[in-house]
C-alpha atoms as a PDB file:
ATOM      1  CA  MET A   1       7.658 -14.628  79.326  1.00  0.00           C
ATOM      2  CA  SER A   2       7.513 -12.188  76.444  1.00  0.00           C
ATOM      3  CA  LYS A   3       5.359 -13.060  73.510  1.00  0.00           C
ATOM      4  CA  SER A   4       7.166 -13.365  70.224  1.00  0.00           C
ATOM      5  CA  SER A   5       5.889 -11.869  67.005  1.00  0.00           C
ATOM      6  CA  PHE A   6       4.105 -14.165  64.597  1.00  0.00           C
ATOM      7  CA  GLN A   7       6.951 -13.957  62.064  1.00  0.00           C
ATOM      8  CA  ASP A   8       9.531 -14.659  64.774  1.00  0.00           C
ATOM      9  CA  ARG A   9       7.568 -17.712  65.888  1.00  0.00           C
ATOM     10  CA  ILE A  10       7.432 -19.068  62.336  1.00  0.00           C
ATOM     11  CA  ILE A  11      11.194 -18.661  61.953  1.00  0.00           C
ATOM     12  CA  ARG A  12      11.933 -20.205  65.355  1.00  0.00           C
ATOM     13  CA  ALA A  13       9.623 -23.127  64.579  1.00  0.00           C
ATOM     14  CA  ALA A  14      11.425 -23.718  61.283  1.00  0.00           C
ATOM     15  CA  LYS A  15      14.747 -23.557  63.141  1.00  0.00           C
ATOM     16  CA  LEU A  16      13.432 -26.410  65.315  1.00  0.00           C
ATOM     17  CA  ASP A  17      13.673 -24.306  68.502  1.00  0.00           C
ATOM     18  CA  SER A  18      12.230 -26.535  71.237  1.00  0.00           C
ATOM     19  CA  ASN A  19      11.707 -23.464  73.453  1.00  0.00           C
ATOM     20  CA  LEU A  20       9.328 -22.053  70.844  1.00  0.00           C
ATOM     21  CA  TYR A  21       7.231 -25.203  71.042  1.00  0.00           C
ATOM     22  CA  GLU A  22       7.073 -24.898  74.853  1.00  0.00           C
ATOM     23  CA  GLU A  23       6.128 -21.222  74.455  1.00  0.00           C
ATOM     24  CA  VAL A  24       3.201 -21.862  72.116  1.00  0.00           C
ATOM     25  CA  GLU A  25       2.078 -24.875  74.130  1.00  0.00           C
ATOM     26  CA  ALA A  26       1.575 -22.567  77.106  1.00  0.00           C
ATOM     27  CA  ASP A  27       0.125 -19.641  75.112  1.00  0.00           C
ATOM     28  CA  LYS A  28      -3.584 -20.338  74.604  1.00  0.00           C
ATOM     29  CA  GLY A  29      -3.795 -17.194  72.472  1.00  0.00           C
ATOM     30  CA  ALA A  30      -1.390 -18.716  69.935  1.00  0.00           C
ATOM     31  CA  LEU A  31      -3.997 -21.054  68.477  1.00  0.00           C
ATOM     32  CA  TRP A  32      -4.996 -18.567  65.754  1.00  0.00           C
ATOM     33  CA  GLN A  33      -1.320 -18.151  64.810  1.00  0.00           C
ATOM     34  CA  ALA A  34      -0.788 -21.919  64.672  1.00  0.00           C
ATOM     35  CA  MET A  35      -3.852 -22.377  62.494  1.00  0.00           C
ATOM     36  CA  ALA A  36      -2.682 -19.551  60.210  1.00  0.00           C
ATOM     37  CA  VAL A  37       0.653 -21.347  59.741  1.00  0.00           C
ATOM     38  CA  VAL A  38      -1.212 -24.508  58.756  1.00  0.00           C
ATOM     39  CA  VAL A  39      -3.440 -22.632  56.311  1.00  0.00           C
ATOM     40  CA  PHE A  40      -0.501 -20.719  54.778  1.00  0.00           C
ATOM     41  CA  SER A  41       1.515 -23.926  54.469  1.00  0.00           C
ATOM     42  CA  SER A  42      -1.437 -25.689  52.827  1.00  0.00           C
ATOM     43  CA  ILE A  43      -1.945 -22.816  50.391  1.00  0.00           C
ATOM     44  CA  ALA A  44       1.790 -22.851  49.588  1.00  0.00           C
ATOM     45  CA  ALA A  45       1.531 -26.558  48.751  1.00  0.00           C
ATOM     46  CA  GLY A  46      -1.544 -25.919  46.617  1.00  0.00           C
ATOM     47  CA  ILE A  47       0.130 -23.087  44.710  1.00  0.00           C
ATOM     48  CA  GLY A  48       3.239 -25.197  44.100  1.00  0.00           C
ATOM     49  CA  ILE A  49       1.138 -28.102  42.828  1.00  0.00           C
ATOM     50  CA  GLY A  50      -1.124 -25.855  40.757  1.00  0.00           C
ATOM     51  CA  LEU A  51       1.767 -24.039  39.109  1.00  0.00           C
ATOM     52  CA  LYS A  52       3.507 -27.337  38.367  1.00  0.00           C
ATOM     53  CA  THR A  53       0.372 -28.837  36.819  1.00  0.00           C
ATOM     54  CA  GLY A  54      -0.661 -25.566  35.192  1.00  0.00           C
ATOM     55  CA  SER A  55      -4.165 -25.756  36.582  1.00  0.00           C
ATOM     56  CA  PHE A  56      -6.154 -23.558  38.902  1.00  0.00           C
ATOM     57  CA  SER A  57      -8.007 -26.634  40.131  1.00  0.00           C
ATOM     58  CA  GLY A  58      -4.627 -28.049  41.180  1.00  0.00           C
ATOM     59  CA  ILE A  59      -4.136 -25.037  43.448  1.00  0.00           C
ATOM     60  CA  ILE A  60      -7.547 -25.509  45.052  1.00  0.00           C
ATOM     61  CA  THR A  61      -7.328 -29.289  45.299  1.00  0.00           C
ATOM     62  CA  GLY A  62      -3.728 -29.200  46.524  1.00  0.00           C
ATOM     63  CA  SER A  63      -4.547 -26.626  49.203  1.00  0.00           C
ATOM     64  CA  ILE A  64      -7.622 -28.454  50.437  1.00  0.00           C
ATOM     65  CA  ALA A  65      -5.924 -31.857  50.371  1.00  0.00           C
ATOM     66  CA  SER A  66      -2.937 -30.493  52.276  1.00  0.00           C
ATOM     67  CA  LEU A  67      -5.190 -28.919  54.901  1.00  0.00           C
ATOM     68  CA  ILE A  68      -7.272 -32.075  55.322  1.00  0.00           C
ATOM     69  CA  SER A  69      -4.212 -34.294  55.550  1.00  0.00           C
ATOM     70  CA  TRP A  70      -2.717 -32.004  58.208  1.00  0.00           C
ATOM     71  CA  TYR A  71      -5.922 -32.166  60.223  1.00  0.00           C
ATOM     72  CA  VAL A  72      -5.984 -35.962  59.971  1.00  0.00           C
ATOM     73  CA  TRP A  73      -2.318 -36.110  60.992  1.00  0.00           C
ATOM     74  CA  ALA A  74      -2.925 -33.766  63.941  1.00  0.00           C
ATOM     75  CA  TYR A  75      -5.898 -35.751  65.215  1.00  0.00           C
ATOM     76  CA  LEU A  76      -4.100 -39.073  64.775  1.00  0.00           C
ATOM     77  CA  THR A  77      -1.057 -37.688  66.569  1.00  0.00           C
ATOM     78  CA  TYR A  78      -3.154 -36.566  69.526  1.00  0.00           C
ATOM     79  CA  PHE A  79      -4.986 -39.879  69.696  1.00  0.00           C
ATOM     80  CA  ILE A  80      -1.887 -42.059  69.280  1.00  0.00           C
ATOM     81  CA  GLY A  81       0.256 -39.916  71.568  1.00  0.00           C
ATOM     82  CA  THR A  82      -2.198 -39.626  74.450  1.00  0.00           C
ATOM     83  CA  LYS A  83      -4.073 -42.941  74.228  1.00  0.00           C
ATOM     84  CA  PHE A  84      -1.716 -45.552  72.736  1.00  0.00           C
ATOM     85  CA  LEU A  85       1.814 -44.339  73.436  1.00  0.00           C
ATOM     86  CA  PRO A  86       1.715 -41.985  76.423  1.00  0.00           C
ATOM     87  CA  GLU A  87       4.516 -41.812  78.949  1.00  0.00           C
ATOM     88  CA  PRO A  88       3.560 -41.675  82.657  1.00  0.00           C
ATOM     89  CA  GLN A  89       3.919 -37.875  82.738  1.00  0.00           C
ATOM     90  CA  THR A  90       2.074 -37.286  79.450  1.00  0.00           C
ATOM     91  CA  GLN A  91      -0.666 -34.786  80.005  1.00  0.00           C
ATOM     92  CA  ALA A  92      -1.857 -32.614  77.168  1.00  0.00           C
ATOM     93  CA  ASP A  93      -5.084 -31.306  75.805  1.00  0.00           C
ATOM     94  CA  LEU A  94      -5.916 -31.059  72.139  1.00  0.00           C
ATOM     95  CA  GLY A  95      -5.330 -27.278  72.121  1.00  0.00           C
ATOM     96  CA  GLU A  96      -1.757 -27.630  73.381  1.00  0.00           C
ATOM     97  CA  LEU A  97      -0.974 -30.169  70.709  1.00  0.00           C
ATOM     98  CA  LEU A  98      -2.687 -28.188  67.940  1.00  0.00           C
ATOM     99  CA  ARG A  99      -0.704 -25.077  68.837  1.00  0.00           C
ATOM    100  CA  THR A 100       2.644 -26.853  68.791  1.00  0.00           C
ATOM    101  CA  ILE A 101       2.090 -28.968  65.707  1.00  0.00           C
ATOM    102  CA  GLY A 102       0.490 -26.050  63.905  1.00  0.00           C
ATOM    103  CA  PHE A 103       3.801 -24.234  64.102  1.00  0.00           C
ATOM    104  CA  SER A 104       5.628 -27.371  62.987  1.00  0.00           C
ATOM    105  CA  SER A 105       4.078 -26.727  59.564  1.00  0.00           C
ATOM    106  CA  SER A 106       6.343 -23.684  59.120  1.00  0.00           C
ATOM    107  CA  PRO A 107       8.830 -25.435  56.791  1.00  0.00           C
ATOM    108  CA  GLY A 108       5.865 -26.303  54.565  1.00  0.00           C
ATOM    109  CA  LEU A 109       5.791 -22.709  53.348  1.00  0.00           C
ATOM    110  CA  LEU A 110       8.658 -23.728  51.040  1.00  0.00           C
ATOM    111  CA  ARG A 111       6.358 -26.104  49.166  1.00  0.00           C
ATOM    112  CA  VAL A 112       5.276 -23.104  47.097  1.00  0.00           C
ATOM    113  CA  PHE A 113       8.489 -23.720  45.097  1.00  0.00           C
ATOM    114  CA  TYR A 114       7.398 -27.197  44.006  1.00  0.00           C
ATOM    115  CA  PHE A 115       6.759 -25.938  40.463  1.00  0.00           C
ATOM    116  CA  ILE A 116      10.432 -25.063  39.776  1.00  0.00           C
ATOM    117  CA  PRO A 117      11.803 -27.509  37.181  1.00  0.00           C
ATOM    118  CA  GLY A 118      14.704 -29.623  38.347  1.00  0.00           C
ATOM    119  CA  VAL A 119      14.635 -28.628  42.032  1.00  0.00           C
ATOM    120  CA  GLY A 120      10.950 -28.345  42.911  1.00  0.00           C
ATOM    121  CA  VAL A 121      10.522 -32.009  43.770  1.00  0.00           C
ATOM    122  CA  LEU A 122      13.614 -31.880  45.973  1.00  0.00           C
ATOM    123  CA  VAL A 123      12.385 -28.719  47.728  1.00  0.00           C
ATOM    124  CA  TYR A 124       8.996 -30.358  48.305  1.00  0.00           C
ATOM    125  CA  LEU A 125      10.598 -33.526  49.671  1.00  0.00           C
ATOM    126  CA  ILE A 126      13.023 -31.652  51.941  1.00  0.00           C
ATOM    127  CA  SER A 127      10.310 -29.349  53.284  1.00  0.00           C
ATOM    128  CA  SER A 128       8.041 -32.328  53.957  1.00  0.00           C
ATOM    129  CA  LEU A 129      10.781 -34.160  55.863  1.00  0.00           C
ATOM    130  CA  TRP A 130      11.652 -30.928  57.697  1.00  0.00           C
ATOM    131  CA  MET A 131       8.000 -30.642  58.734  1.00  0.00           C
ATOM    132  CA  LEU A 132       8.173 -34.204  60.040  1.00  0.00           C
ATOM    133  CA  VAL A 133      11.245 -33.399  62.165  1.00  0.00           C
ATOM    134  CA  ALA A 134       9.565 -30.228  63.449  1.00  0.00           C
ATOM    135  CA  MET A 135       6.449 -32.219  64.284  1.00  0.00           C
ATOM    136  CA  ILE A 136       8.511 -34.735  66.252  1.00  0.00           C
ATOM    137  CA  ILE A 137       9.958 -31.903  68.343  1.00  0.00           C
ATOM    138  CA  ALA A 138       6.508 -30.334  68.755  1.00  0.00           C
ATOM    139  CA  VAL A 139       4.982 -33.641  69.874  1.00  0.00           C
ATOM    140  CA  ARG A 140       7.841 -34.364  72.266  1.00  0.00           C
ATOM    141  CA  GLN A 141       7.337 -30.944  73.884  1.00  0.00           C
ATOM    142  CA  ALA A 142       3.522 -30.918  73.919  1.00  0.00           C
ATOM    143  CA  LEU A 143       3.165 -34.453  75.265  1.00  0.00           C
ATOM    144  CA  ASP A 144       6.025 -34.003  77.750  1.00  0.00           C
ATOM    145  CA  TYR A 145       7.849 -37.048  76.439  1.00  0.00           C
ATOM    146  CA  ASN A 146      11.288 -37.866  77.791  1.00  0.00           C
ATOM    147  CA  SER A 147      11.840 -40.091  74.775  1.00  0.00           C
ATOM    148  CA  THR A 148      12.328 -38.553  71.363  1.00  0.00           C
ATOM    149  CA  LEU A 149      11.983 -42.070  69.952  1.00  0.00           C
ATOM    150  CA  ARG A 150       8.427 -42.261  71.294  1.00  0.00           C
ATOM    151  CA  ALA A 151       7.630 -38.939  69.597  1.00  0.00           C
ATOM    152  CA  VAL A 152       9.142 -40.330  66.367  1.00  0.00           C
ATOM    153  CA  GLY A 153       6.870 -43.375  66.621  1.00  0.00           C
ATOM    154  CA  VAL A 154       3.761 -41.279  67.189  1.00  0.00           C
ATOM    155  CA  CYS A 155       4.562 -38.960  64.288  1.00  0.00           C
ATOM    156  CA  VAL A 156       5.618 -41.634  61.817  1.00  0.00           C
ATOM    157  CA  ILE A 157       2.509 -43.743  62.464  1.00  0.00           C
ATOM    158  CA  GLY A 158       0.297 -40.685  61.976  1.00  0.00           C
ATOM    159  CA  TYR A 159       2.332 -39.538  58.951  1.00  0.00           C
ATOM    160  CA  ILE A 160       1.934 -42.856  57.152  1.00  0.00           C
ATOM    161  CA  ILE A 161      -1.812 -42.894  57.756  1.00  0.00           C
ATOM    162  CA  GLN A 162      -2.236 -39.288  56.608  1.00  0.00           C
ATOM    163  CA  ILE A 163      -0.306 -40.044  53.391  1.00  0.00           C
ATOM    164  CA  PHE A 164      -2.906 -42.693  52.606  1.00  0.00           C
ATOM    165  CA  VAL A 165      -5.631 -40.119  53.287  1.00  0.00           C
ATOM    166  CA  LEU A 166      -3.926 -37.631  50.935  1.00  0.00           C
ATOM    167  CA  VAL A 167      -3.640 -40.240  48.181  1.00  0.00           C
ATOM    168  CA  LEU A 168      -7.303 -41.117  48.701  1.00  0.00           C
ATOM    169  CA  ILE A 169      -8.358 -37.470  48.458  1.00  0.00           C
ATOM    170  CA  PHE A 170      -6.415 -36.963  45.223  1.00  0.00           C
ATOM    171  CA  SER A 171      -7.768 -40.174  43.727  1.00  0.00           C
ATOM    172  CA  ILE A 172     -11.346 -39.138  44.544  1.00  0.00           C
ATOM    173  CA  PHE A 173     -11.175 -35.472  43.578  1.00  0.00           C
ATOM    174  CA  GLY A 174      -8.431 -35.586  40.944  1.00  0.00           C
ATOM    175  CA  GLY A 175      -5.377 -33.408  40.771  1.00  0.00           C
ATOM    176  CA  ALA A 176      -1.713 -34.127  40.636  1.00  0.00           C
ATOM    177  CA  LEU A 177       0.152 -35.692  43.494  1.00  0.00           C
ATOM    178  CA  PRO A 178       3.674 -34.446  44.099  1.00  0.00           C
ATOM    179  CA  ASP A 179       6.128 -36.606  42.150  1.00  0.00           C
ATOM    180  CA  ALA A 180       7.967 -39.166  44.194  1.00  0.00           C
ATOM    181  CA  PRO A 181      11.710 -38.877  43.704  1.00  0.00           C
ATOM    182  CA  ALA A 182      13.177 -41.823  41.843  1.00  0.00           C
END
């Protein structure tokens, strides 16, 4: 198996390539790449929020909140997927799951465009939903699920909980939450 470049992996992850998720699940050396994708995606969200709100603190708060919410979502996904909703063949360690779901954050790089009037909210919403779909594929592959529906359940439960965490973080530390589309 040839190792893909970092940029190629990001693109393949965004294209929802299930083979990429199998590749990074097996590649223990890909953890630093997966974490970099998460950090870059979080910074992109922070920049988009900060530019929209016109505040440097929005960039910092948005980046940190995005990173924390991803971590919460990742941990919840591991816990829910391996303890509450495993299939008989489910066998994964935290590293395998972190590598796959780290790359599922690739579409989040588009959140940097949140500040653009008229389309920014739509870009943010689409990239967030795209990340959710990528995470479902990543979870299905990492946890060896036969059922995509089970992966959907694991991800949606974790997603809802992490949204509450994100709202809590913003309410405690201030900053602007991304606008909800009407």
